[in-house]
Amino acid sequence: MAKDKPYPPQYYNDYLHLKKILDSQHLKSDEFGAHAHDEMLHEVTLYLENIVTQLPPLFEAYWDNTDARTCRSCGSIQQPPN
């Protein structure tokens, strides 16, 4: 631009292209045709000393417990990974 012409105003969200970024975000669950609920299925609190020995029994207990994997909003059940 010439020195005698002022620069057009630059807005922060335009500069960062926020609309483009936010519009490109989507839920992974939508790709599978299942709406994700804003709900935690299961929570475990523990003092972690050894991840190798402590986590496998927790995962096993989770996958063996259908109630822990069931959504209270819609009743869908999370399936174990293949």
Protein backbone atom coordinates (compact mmCIF):
# COMPACT_ATOMS: atom_id res chain seq x y z
CA MET A 1 0.00 0.00 0.00
CA ALA A 2 1.07 3.53 -0.60
CA LYS A 3 2.28 5.60 2.34
CA ASP A 4 -0.58 8.08 2.00
CA LYS A 5 -3.25 5.36 2.30
CA PRO A 6 -4.02 3.93 5.73
CA TYR A 7 -4.10 0.20 6.28
CA PRO A 8 -7.58 -1.31 6.56
CA PRO A 9 -8.56 -2.34 10.08
CA GLN A 10 -7.39 -5.81 11.01
CA TYR A 11 -9.50 -7.69 13.52
CA TYR A 12 -8.00 -10.40 15.67
CA ASN A 13 -10.47 -13.14 14.72
CA ASP A 14 -10.03 -12.32 11.03
CA TYR A 15 -6.25 -12.35 11.37
CA LEU A 16 -6.30 -15.81 12.97
CA HIS A 17 -9.04 -17.11 10.66
CA LEU A 18 -10.99 -18.32 13.69
CA LYS A 19 -14.25 -18.86 11.81
CA LYS A 20 -12.53 -21.21 9.38
CA ILE A 21 -10.89 -23.15 12.22
CA LEU A 22 -14.04 -23.42 14.33
CA ASP A 23 -16.18 -24.42 11.35
CA SER A 24 -13.77 -27.25 10.51
CA GLN A 25 -14.12 -28.87 13.93
CA HIS A 26 -16.59 -31.69 14.34
CA LEU A 27 -17.19 -34.53 16.74
CA LYS A 28 -15.57 -37.84 15.91
CA SER A 29 -18.79 -39.58 16.94
CA ASP A 30 -20.66 -37.79 14.14
CA GLU A 31 -18.54 -39.65 11.59
CA PHE A 32 -20.09 -42.90 12.84
CA GLY A 33 -23.64 -41.54 12.94
CA ALA A 34 -23.80 -41.57 16.74
CA HIS A 35 -24.35 -38.36 18.67
CA ALA A 36 -21.96 -37.91 21.60
CA HIS A 37 -23.55 -37.00 24.91
CA ASP A 38 -21.85 -34.66 27.33
CA GLU A 39 -21.64 -37.38 29.93
CA MET A 40 -18.86 -39.34 31.57
CA LEU A 41 -19.44 -43.08 31.33
CA HIS A 42 -17.08 -44.26 34.04
CA GLU A 43 -14.47 -42.81 36.36
CA VAL A 44 -11.82 -44.43 38.51
CA THR A 45 -9.63 -42.58 40.98
CA LEU A 46 -6.40 -44.18 42.09
CA TYR A 47 -2.91 -43.48 43.29
CA LEU A 48 -0.80 -44.63 40.38
CA GLU A 49 2.44 -46.30 41.33
CA ASN A 50 2.96 -48.73 38.47
CA ILE A 51 1.04 -48.21 35.24
CA VAL A 52 2.05 -51.61 33.87
CA THR A 53 0.53 -53.57 36.75
CA GLN A 54 -2.33 -51.28 37.82
CA LEU A 55 -4.05 -50.36 34.55
CA PRO A 56 -4.73 -53.79 32.99
CA PRO A 57 -7.05 -54.91 35.84
CA LEU A 58 -8.89 -51.57 35.65
CA PHE A 59 -9.46 -51.96 31.91
CA GLU A 60 -10.57 -55.55 32.37
CA ALA A 61 -13.04 -54.54 35.09
CA TYR A 62 -14.38 -51.75 32.86
CA TRP A 63 -14.91 -53.95 29.80
CA ASP A 64 -16.53 -56.67 31.94
CA ASN A 65 -19.02 -54.19 33.44
CA THR A 66 -21.86 -53.43 31.02
CA ASP A 67 -23.36 -50.84 33.39
CA ALA A 68 -20.12 -48.85 33.36
CA ARG A 69 -20.19 -48.76 29.56
CA THR A 70 -23.87 -47.85 29.19
CA CYS A 71 -24.93 -44.27 28.42
CA ARG A 72 -27.57 -43.14 30.89
CA SER A 73 -29.00 -40.69 28.33
CA CYS A 74 -29.69 -43.01 25.42
CA GLY A 75 -28.89 -46.52 26.63
CA SER A 76 -26.19 -47.21 24.03
CA ILE A 77 -23.37 -49.47 25.17
CA GLN A 78 -19.73 -48.78 24.36
CA GLN A 79 -18.28 -51.81 22.60
CA PRO A 80 -14.79 -53.11 23.38
CA PRO A 81 -12.08 -52.28 20.84
CA ASN A 82 -11.28 -54.95 18.27
